[in-house]
Protein backbone atom coordinates (compact mmCIF):
# COMPACT_ATOMS: atom_id res chain seq x y z
CA UNK A 1 14.01 -111.32 11.38
CA UNK A 2 10.30 -112.10 12.33
CA UNK A 3 6.50 -111.90 11.13
CA UNK A 4 5.70 -108.48 10.21
CA UNK A 5 3.44 -108.28 13.41
CA UNK A 6 3.70 -103.97 13.71
CA UNK A 7 3.16 -103.67 10.06
CA UNK A 8 -0.78 -102.92 9.26
CA UNK A 9 -1.86 -104.78 6.41
CA UNK A 10 -4.86 -106.39 5.16
CA UNK A 11 -4.99 -110.11 5.54
CA UNK A 12 -2.68 -110.66 8.38
CA UNK A 13 -3.29 -112.25 11.42
CA UNK A 14 -1.01 -111.38 14.44
CA UNK A 15 1.73 -110.69 11.78
CA UNK A 16 1.50 -114.17 9.84
CA UNK A 17 0.05 -114.69 6.27
CA UNK A 18 -3.22 -116.39 5.58
CA UNK A 19 -5.09 -117.52 2.70
CA UNK A 20 -8.17 -115.91 1.26
CA UNK A 21 -11.51 -117.75 2.31
CA UNK A 22 -14.39 -116.75 -0.13
CA UNK A 23 -16.71 -118.27 1.93
CA UNK A 24 -16.41 -116.11 4.85
CA UNK A 25 -15.32 -113.10 2.71
CA UNK A 26 -11.97 -112.77 4.05
CA UNK A 27 -9.22 -111.27 1.90
CA UNK A 28 -5.84 -113.23 1.35
CA UNK A 29 -2.41 -111.58 2.97
CA UNK A 30 -0.79 -108.82 1.21
CA UNK A 31 2.88 -108.74 1.70
CA UNK A 32 3.75 -105.30 2.86
CA UNK A 33 6.69 -103.69 0.84
CA UNK A 34 8.56 -102.98 4.25
CA UNK A 35 8.64 -106.68 4.95
CA UNK A 36 9.53 -107.70 1.56
CA UNK A 37 12.44 -105.67 1.92
CA UNK A 38 13.52 -106.49 5.20
CA UNK A 39 13.76 -110.24 3.99
CA UNK A 40 15.57 -109.76 0.79
CA UNK A 41 18.13 -107.40 2.95
CA UNK A 42 18.68 -110.12 5.60
CA UNK A 43 19.34 -112.63 2.99
CA UNK A 44 21.69 -110.33 1.18
CA UNK A 45 23.51 -109.83 4.58
CA UNK A 46 24.22 -113.53 4.38
CA UNK A 47 25.35 -113.50 0.58
CA UNK A 48 27.59 -110.38 1.31
CA UNK A 49 28.99 -112.01 4.31
CA UNK A 50 30.25 -114.70 2.62
CA UNK A 51 32.27 -112.51 0.07
CA UNK A 52 29.74 -112.70 -2.65
CA UNK A 53 28.47 -110.14 -4.93
CA UNK A 54 24.72 -110.43 -4.93
CA UNK A 55 23.39 -111.63 -8.44
CA UNK A 56 19.67 -111.88 -9.67
CA UNK A 57 20.78 -114.66 -12.16
CA UNK A 58 22.50 -116.89 -9.27
CA UNK A 59 19.82 -118.64 -7.08
CA UNK A 60 22.35 -120.63 -5.25
CA UNK A 61 24.24 -117.88 -3.51
CA UNK A 62 22.78 -118.22 -0.08
CA UNK A 63 24.15 -121.85 -0.04
CA UNK A 64 27.51 -120.62 -1.09
CA UNK A 65 27.56 -117.94 1.46
CA UNK A 66 26.85 -120.26 4.21
CA UNK A 67 29.30 -122.56 2.94
CA UNK A 68 31.93 -120.00 3.30
CA UNK A 69 31.12 -118.49 6.61
CA UNK A 70 30.83 -121.57 8.02
CA UNK A 71 34.54 -122.58 6.53
CA UNK A 72 35.67 -119.14 7.88
CA UNK A 73 34.85 -119.93 11.29
CA UNK A 74 36.31 -123.65 11.07
CA UNK A 75 40.10 -124.25 12.00
CA UNK A 76 40.40 -126.33 8.65
CA UNK A 77 39.08 -124.22 5.79
CA UNK A 78 37.90 -125.49 2.47
CA UNK A 79 41.11 -123.51 0.62
CA UNK A 80 43.80 -125.35 -1.41
CA UNK A 81 46.94 -123.72 -2.28
CA UNK A 82 49.74 -124.78 -4.40
CA UNK A 83 53.34 -123.84 -4.58
CA UNK A 84 56.56 -124.53 -6.66
CA UNK A 85 58.81 -121.84 -4.88
CA UNK A 86 59.06 -120.15 -1.25
CA UNK A 87 56.68 -118.30 -0.16
CA UNK A 88 54.96 -116.37 3.42
CA UNK A 89 51.43 -117.84 3.74
CA UNK A 90 48.68 -115.43 4.41
CA UNK A 91 45.71 -116.03 6.12
CA UNK A 92 43.79 -116.88 3.43
CA UNK A 93 45.98 -119.20 1.96
CA UNK A 94 45.50 -121.58 5.01
CA UNK A 95 44.00 -124.66 4.19
CA UNK A 96 45.44 -127.66 2.17
CA UNK A 97 49.01 -126.41 1.06
CA UNK A 98 50.63 -128.51 -1.76
CA UNK A 99 54.27 -127.96 -2.40
CA UNK A 100 56.74 -129.19 -5.22
CA UNK A 101 60.00 -128.72 -4.57
CA UNK A 102 61.57 -130.26 -7.53
CA UNK A 103 63.03 -127.09 -8.99
CA UNK A 104 65.24 -126.35 -6.00
CA UNK A 105 64.91 -126.02 -1.75
CA UNK A 106 61.79 -124.12 -0.92
CA UNK A 107 61.12 -122.36 2.67
CA UNK A 108 57.30 -122.17 3.30
CA UNK A 109 56.72 -119.50 6.29
CA UNK A 110 53.48 -119.53 8.43
CA UNK A 111 51.58 -116.89 9.26
CA UNK A 112 52.07 -115.45 12.81
CA UNK A 113 50.21 -117.17 15.12
CA UNK A 114 48.44 -114.19 16.63
CA UNK A 115 45.54 -113.67 18.55
CA UNK A 116 44.22 -112.04 15.27
CA UNK A 117 44.55 -115.15 13.39
CA UNK A 118 43.19 -117.54 16.26
CA UNK A 119 42.76 -120.90 16.15
CA UNK A 120 43.46 -122.55 12.38
CA UNK A 121 44.70 -125.61 10.65
CA UNK A 122 46.82 -125.62 7.81
CA UNK A 123 47.98 -129.16 6.03
CA UNK A 124 51.49 -128.92 4.32
CA UNK A 125 52.15 -131.84 2.03
CA UNK A 126 55.15 -132.51 -0.13
CA UNK A 127 54.47 -133.03 -3.77
CA UNK A 128 57.86 -134.43 -5.28
CA UNK A 129 60.28 -136.56 -4.23
CA UNK A 130 63.48 -134.64 -5.64
CA UNK A 131 65.27 -134.76 -2.50
CA UNK A 132 65.41 -130.84 -2.43
CA UNK A 133 65.39 -129.48 1.12
CA UNK A 134 61.65 -128.24 2.19
CA UNK A 135 61.39 -126.48 5.14
CA UNK A 136 58.16 -125.12 7.17
CA UNK A 137 59.16 -122.19 8.92
CA UNK A 138 57.24 -120.71 11.84
CA UNK A 139 57.00 -116.62 11.78
CA UNK A 140 59.17 -114.74 14.13
CA UNK A 141 59.49 -116.20 17.65
CA UNK A 142 56.72 -118.40 17.09
CA UNK A 143 57.53 -121.94 17.53
CA UNK A 144 56.30 -125.36 16.20
CA UNK A 145 55.51 -127.63 19.18
CA UNK A 146 56.64 -131.13 18.16
CA UNK A 147 59.28 -133.36 19.80
CA UNK A 148 59.14 -131.62 23.02
CA UNK A 149 60.40 -134.07 25.10
CA UNK A 150 63.60 -132.96 23.83
CA UNK A 151 62.60 -129.32 23.76
CA UNK A 152 59.89 -128.13 25.54
CA UNK A 153 59.46 -124.97 23.39
CA UNK A 154 59.11 -126.98 20.19
CA UNK A 155 61.56 -126.17 16.91
CA UNK A 156 60.93 -123.03 14.72
CA UNK A 157 60.67 -125.06 11.87
CA UNK A 158 60.54 -128.75 10.64
CA UNK A 159 60.95 -130.24 7.11
CA UNK A 160 58.82 -132.36 4.46
CA UNK A 161 60.83 -135.15 3.41
CA UNK A 162 59.67 -137.68 0.34
CA UNK A 163 56.96 -137.15 -1.97
CA UNK A 164 53.60 -137.36 0.25
CA UNK A 165 55.19 -136.56 3.22
CA UNK A 166 52.44 -134.21 5.53
CA UNK A 167 51.94 -132.47 8.82
CA UNK A 168 48.64 -130.87 9.86
CA UNK A 169 49.27 -128.10 12.37
CA UNK A 170 47.11 -125.71 14.40
CA UNK A 171 47.62 -122.00 15.90
CA UNK A 172 46.73 -121.60 19.15
CA UNK A 173 46.91 -117.82 18.75
CA UNK A 174 49.66 -117.47 21.39
CA UNK A 175 52.71 -117.95 19.34
CA UNK A 176 52.84 -121.66 18.80
CA UNK A 177 51.45 -124.32 16.08
CA UNK A 178 50.80 -127.64 17.46
CA UNK A 179 50.79 -130.90 15.40
CA UNK A 180 47.44 -132.47 15.15
CA UNK A 181 48.45 -135.28 12.44
CA UNK A 182 51.30 -136.39 10.16
CA UNK A 183 52.20 -138.98 7.59
CA UNK A 184 54.36 -140.87 10.32
CA UNK A 185 54.48 -140.95 13.96
CA UNK A 186 57.64 -143.43 14.14
CA UNK A 187 59.70 -142.62 17.20
CA UNK A 188 62.90 -140.24 15.99
CA UNK A 189 66.13 -142.16 15.37
CA UNK A 190 64.45 -145.52 15.26
CA UNK A 191 66.95 -147.80 12.84
CA UNK A 192 64.66 -150.31 10.51
CA UNK A 193 65.08 -152.15 7.11
CA UNK A 194 63.50 -151.33 3.66
CA UNK A 195 62.47 -153.15 0.61
CA UNK A 196 62.99 -150.00 -1.74
CA UNK A 197 66.43 -148.09 -2.38
CA UNK A 198 64.23 -145.09 -2.29
CA UNK A 199 63.80 -142.70 0.79
CA UNK A 200 60.03 -143.50 2.43
CA UNK A 201 58.05 -140.30 2.96
CA UNK A 202 57.73 -139.62 6.46
CA UNK A 203 60.99 -138.36 7.46
CA UNK A 204 63.48 -140.85 6.65
CA UNK A 205 67.23 -141.27 5.81
CA UNK A 206 69.69 -143.61 5.27
CA UNK A 207 71.57 -145.30 8.18
CA UNK A 208 75.08 -144.44 6.64
CA UNK A 209 77.02 -142.42 9.26
CA UNK A 210 76.35 -139.00 7.36
CA UNK A 211 77.68 -136.02 9.01
CA UNK A 212 74.48 -133.28 9.43
CA UNK A 213 74.53 -129.52 10.49
CA UNK A 214 73.15 -129.01 13.83
CA UNK A 215 71.32 -126.21 12.74
CA UNK A 216 69.67 -127.97 10.09
CA UNK A 217 68.58 -130.92 12.46
CA UNK A 218 68.13 -129.21 15.97
CA UNK A 219 65.87 -131.97 17.10
CA UNK A 220 68.24 -134.67 15.84
CA UNK A 221 71.11 -133.50 17.65
CA UNK A 222 69.03 -132.80 20.90
CA UNK A 223 68.12 -136.52 20.75
CA UNK A 224 71.59 -137.53 19.73
CA UNK A 225 73.02 -135.46 23.03
CA UNK A 226 70.24 -137.24 25.18
CA UNK A 227 70.60 -141.07 23.77
CA UNK A 228 73.53 -142.15 26.01
CA UNK A 229 75.17 -143.03 22.80
CA UNK A 230 76.99 -139.59 21.80
CA UNK A 231 80.80 -140.34 21.15
CA UNK A 232 83.55 -138.43 19.43
CA UNK A 233 84.79 -138.42 15.72
CA UNK A 234 88.16 -139.23 17.43
CA UNK A 235 86.76 -142.34 18.93
CA UNK A 236 84.31 -143.46 16.05
CA UNK A 237 86.54 -146.44 15.15
CA UNK A 238 84.83 -149.34 16.89
CA UNK A 239 82.10 -147.36 17.94
CA UNK A 240 80.43 -146.93 14.41
CA UNK A 241 76.89 -147.18 15.69
CA UNK A 242 76.97 -144.08 17.91
CA UNK A 243 76.41 -140.86 17.16
CA UNK A 244 79.23 -138.68 17.21
CA UNK A 245 79.56 -134.81 18.15
CA UNK A 246 80.93 -134.03 14.63
CA UNK A 247 83.40 -131.10 14.45
CA UNK A 248 82.65 -130.04 17.91
CA UNK A 249 80.72 -127.08 16.99
CA UNK A 250 78.53 -126.97 14.04
CA UNK A 251 78.15 -130.91 12.98
CA UNK A 252 77.40 -134.26 14.08
CA UNK A 253 77.21 -137.40 12.67
CA UNK A 254 74.70 -140.30 12.69
CA UNK A 255 75.10 -144.17 13.39
CA UNK A 256 76.59 -146.32 10.20
CA UNK A 257 74.80 -149.33 9.80
CA UNK A 258 75.67 -150.80 6.37
CA UNK A 259 76.83 -153.92 5.80
CA UNK A 260 76.54 -154.89 9.50
CA UNK A 261 74.30 -157.10 11.33
CA UNK A 262 72.45 -155.62 14.35
CA UNK A 263 72.25 -157.35 17.69
CA UNK A 264 70.28 -156.49 20.89
CA UNK A 265 72.20 -155.19 23.37
CA UNK A 266 72.99 -157.40 26.69
CA UNK A 267 71.69 -154.64 28.88
CA UNK A 268 73.05 -156.43 32.11
CA UNK A 269 71.91 -160.00 31.13
CA UNK A 270 75.05 -161.55 31.10
CA UNK A 271 75.25 -163.54 27.34
CA UNK A 272 77.11 -160.64 25.95
CA UNK A 273 78.84 -158.54 28.68
CA UNK A 274 80.83 -155.47 28.47
CA UNK A 275 79.14 -154.07 25.51
CA UNK A 276 78.41 -150.52 25.01
CA UNK A 277 75.71 -149.22 22.81
CA UNK A 278 76.52 -148.68 19.32
CA UNK A 279 79.91 -150.26 19.70
CA UNK A 280 81.42 -152.66 17.04
CA UNK A 281 82.10 -156.49 17.73
CA UNK A 282 84.59 -158.69 15.16
CA UNK A 283 83.18 -161.92 14.10
CA UNK A 284 84.02 -164.91 16.32
CA UNK A 285 86.93 -167.17 15.17
CA UNK A 286 86.41 -170.84 14.93
CA UNK A 287 89.54 -173.30 14.10
CA UNK A 288 89.09 -176.04 11.56
CA UNK A 289 91.69 -179.11 11.09
CA UNK A 290 91.77 -180.10 7.33
CA UNK A 291 93.61 -182.51 5.34
CA UNK A 292 96.56 -184.67 6.17
CA UNK A 293 98.36 -181.86 8.31
CA UNK A 294 95.27 -181.72 10.75
CA UNK A 295 93.28 -184.96 10.15
CA UNK A 296 89.46 -185.07 10.00
CA UNK A 297 88.80 -183.30 6.71
CA UNK A 298 87.64 -184.32 3.55
CA UNK A 299 90.32 -183.10 1.46
CA UNK A 300 93.69 -181.28 2.05
CA UNK A 301 92.67 -177.82 0.76
CA UNK A 302 90.24 -175.31 2.58
CA UNK A 303 88.10 -175.29 -0.91
CA UNK A 304 87.90 -179.26 -0.49
CA UNK A 305 86.55 -179.12 2.81
CA UNK A 306 83.89 -176.41 2.72
CA UNK A 307 83.34 -174.84 -0.65
CA UNK A 308 80.90 -177.81 -1.50
CA UNK A 309 78.65 -176.84 1.68
CA UNK A 310 78.60 -173.16 0.25
CA UNK A 311 81.09 -171.71 2.40
CA UNK A 312 83.04 -168.34 1.20
CA UNK A 313 86.53 -169.14 1.55
CA UNK A 314 87.39 -165.70 1.07
CA UNK A 315 85.34 -163.76 3.56
CA UNK A 316 88.25 -163.07 6.26
CA UNK A 317 91.54 -163.67 4.05
CA UNK A 318 94.56 -163.25 6.91
CA UNK A 319 97.34 -164.93 8.47
CA UNK A 320 96.06 -166.41 12.08
CA UNK A 321 97.94 -166.94 15.06
CA UNK A 322 98.29 -169.25 18.28
CA UNK A 323 96.70 -172.45 16.83
CA UNK A 324 97.82 -175.80 17.53
CA UNK A 325 96.91 -178.15 15.17
CA UNK A 326 100.43 -179.10 13.94
CA UNK A 327 99.99 -177.52 10.35
CA UNK A 328 103.03 -175.86 8.57
CA UNK A 329 104.59 -172.46 9.87
CA UNK A 330 104.53 -169.61 7.40
CA UNK A 331 106.07 -167.18 7.32
CA UNK A 332 109.48 -167.98 8.87
CA UNK A 333 110.12 -167.10 12.43
CA UNK A 334 106.02 -166.94 13.04
CA UNK A 335 103.43 -169.35 14.47
CA UNK A 336 100.93 -168.40 11.65
CA UNK A 337 99.14 -171.92 10.38
CA UNK A 338 99.62 -171.31 6.37
CA UNK A 339 101.58 -172.68 3.91
CA UNK A 340 103.56 -170.08 1.33
CA UNK A 341 101.03 -170.67 -1.32
CA UNK A 342 98.17 -169.35 1.33
CA UNK A 343 95.89 -172.29 0.57
CA UNK A 344 95.66 -174.04 4.00
CA UNK A 345 93.74 -172.16 6.27
CA UNK A 346 93.27 -173.65 9.58
CA UNK A 347 90.70 -170.91 10.89
CA UNK A 348 87.41 -169.27 9.73
CA UNK A 349 84.34 -166.65 10.66
CA UNK A 350 80.90 -167.89 10.33
CA UNK A 351 78.07 -166.11 9.31
CA UNK A 352 74.30 -167.55 8.76
CA UNK A 353 72.61 -167.10 5.42
CA UNK A 354 71.00 -163.77 4.81
CA UNK A 355 69.61 -161.34 2.71
CA UNK A 356 70.67 -157.50 2.21
CA UNK A 357 68.22 -154.88 2.76
CA UNK A 358 68.87 -150.95 2.91
CA UNK A 359 69.15 -149.48 6.33
CA UNK A 360 66.98 -146.55 7.23
CA UNK A 361 66.89 -143.91 10.07
CA UNK A 362 64.17 -141.74 11.54
CA UNK A 363 65.60 -137.99 11.15
CA UNK A 364 62.18 -136.47 11.96
């Protein structure tokens, strides 16, 4: 497009328009039809190129068309797609994809990351908090390149967990979708406490020793294998804080933390030696002399001695042996220091005052 330099017409100076000059007697410019038509065609080319149908009544079409064209060449287009069921996304639907899985499990398949698709972005965001499984699946042999420290090629799918959970993915035109951003980047497998009974969005589950399928959580199974704390189901008792290999072929189990205090692993310091990561440790047993039988106590009964100070006298009810405080022997033939009514207990396990919060673990 240019001024009509080559078009002979009255009032044009080197193809540029001029005003009429009555003093000099020179006329103003007359717009040549060929130029006026070419200008109109240039504008129509932008409008139709932006996917619009030209309309005489709409004077804002050029602006709309430019927005559409610029958006089409941006990785993140101004498109909002809403889904309530499983679907394979098409190229025009890439943008912000809002997914409601309240009616059941949902699988959303991404377009193939081919050279034809090029560099494109999509944000997939979960709307509901119903707990149904929601999978974002790559097409064919494509991969989503997350947790590449566990698998260099990434994984064929990811899951959205909890209302508000989202991932932003970018195609590279060569078979991969790369995470650009996500709701929560907390490292995989990290345990922590929560102040709500609900599962927060971002990829969290309960720290409850759940059995999971390897095919549904491949990155988590890879993490367990490389963690240094993977055990077997047969050896789980006393090692409940470890991952286990489940049935040995299709499942695995996460760590159990419910009702337990967590302790920092010694790792060679020598304060809490010979401990293995994820291993259980019983509470320390302390001796206590009471009443006339042992002396030094306020009363003759356990409850007389410690209940007034807030002790839970039934924390660990059991016969305990090997004591030397001179109490009665019961049952007969043993060295358990307890009377027949079970009221004189000469040992106890201590614990600090505490508050219980739900335990959670990062699953993706």
